[in-house]
Protein backbone atom coordinates (compact mmCIF):
# COMPACT_ATOMS: atom_id res chain seq x y z
CA MET A 1 -14.37 -8.95 34.24
CA GLU A 2 -12.19 -5.84 34.29
CA LYS A 3 -9.11 -7.92 33.48
CA ASN A 4 -10.88 -9.38 30.45
CA ASP A 5 -11.79 -5.88 29.22
CA ASN A 6 -8.17 -4.79 29.54
CA ASN A 7 -7.01 -7.79 27.53
CA VAL A 8 -9.49 -7.03 24.76
CA ARG A 9 -8.43 -3.37 24.71
CA GLU A 10 -4.75 -4.33 24.60
CA ILE A 11 -5.31 -6.76 21.73
CA GLY A 12 -7.26 -4.09 19.85
CA GLN A 13 -4.48 -1.57 20.29
CA LEU A 14 -1.86 -4.06 19.13
CA MET A 15 -3.93 -4.92 16.05
CA SER A 16 -4.32 -1.22 15.23
CA VAL A 17 -0.59 -0.64 15.52
CA ALA A 18 0.14 -3.72 13.39
CA ILE A 19 -2.26 -2.60 10.65
CA ALA A 20 -0.83 0.92 10.67
CA ALA A 21 2.70 -0.46 10.43
CA VAL A 22 1.82 -2.69 7.47
CA LEU A 23 0.10 0.16 5.65
CA PHE A 24 2.98 2.53 6.30
CA GLY A 25 5.58 -0.03 5.23
CA SER A 26 3.77 -0.90 2.02
CA THR A 27 3.39 2.80 1.23
CA MET A 28 7.10 3.36 1.72
CA ILE A 29 8.00 0.37 -0.46
CA LEU A 30 5.65 1.44 -3.23
CA SER A 31 6.89 5.01 -3.16
CA ALA A 32 10.48 3.80 -3.45
CA VAL A 33 9.90 1.14 -6.11
CA GLY A 34 7.08 2.68 -8.12
CA PRO A 35 8.92 5.56 -9.83
CA ALA A 36 11.95 3.38 -10.61
CA ARG A 37 9.78 0.76 -12.31
CA ALA A 38 7.84 3.38 -14.26
CA SER A 39 11.01 4.96 -15.64
CA GLU A 40 12.61 1.66 -16.74
CA THR A 41 10.27 0.74 -19.57
CA PRO A 42 8.15 3.54 -20.98
CA VAL A 43 4.85 2.42 -22.49
CA PRO A 44 3.99 4.23 -25.71
CA ALA A 45 0.58 5.89 -25.58
CA MET A 46 -0.79 4.61 -28.87
CA HIS A 47 -4.43 4.45 -29.80
CA ASP A 48 -4.49 0.65 -30.09
CA THR A 49 -3.36 0.08 -26.49
CA PRO A 50 -5.91 -0.47 -23.73
CA ALA A 51 -7.20 2.66 -22.04
CA THR A 52 -5.52 1.82 -18.73
CA LEU A 53 -2.07 1.71 -20.33
CA ARG A 54 -2.64 5.07 -21.99
CA TYR A 55 -3.49 6.64 -18.63
CA LEU A 56 -0.56 4.97 -16.87
CA ALA A 57 1.99 6.01 -19.52
């Protein structure tokens, strides 16, 4: 029974590390790509554009 508990704990720790790595990696990619994409094509903040585009401009 103790061996089974250790296996479950080990799997849980590996899953936690994997999730943290994916979140960290995606954050790093978005922080590197996001500003470059935003500066390539500026979106004019006109009144006839949707509200989300005005806030993102």
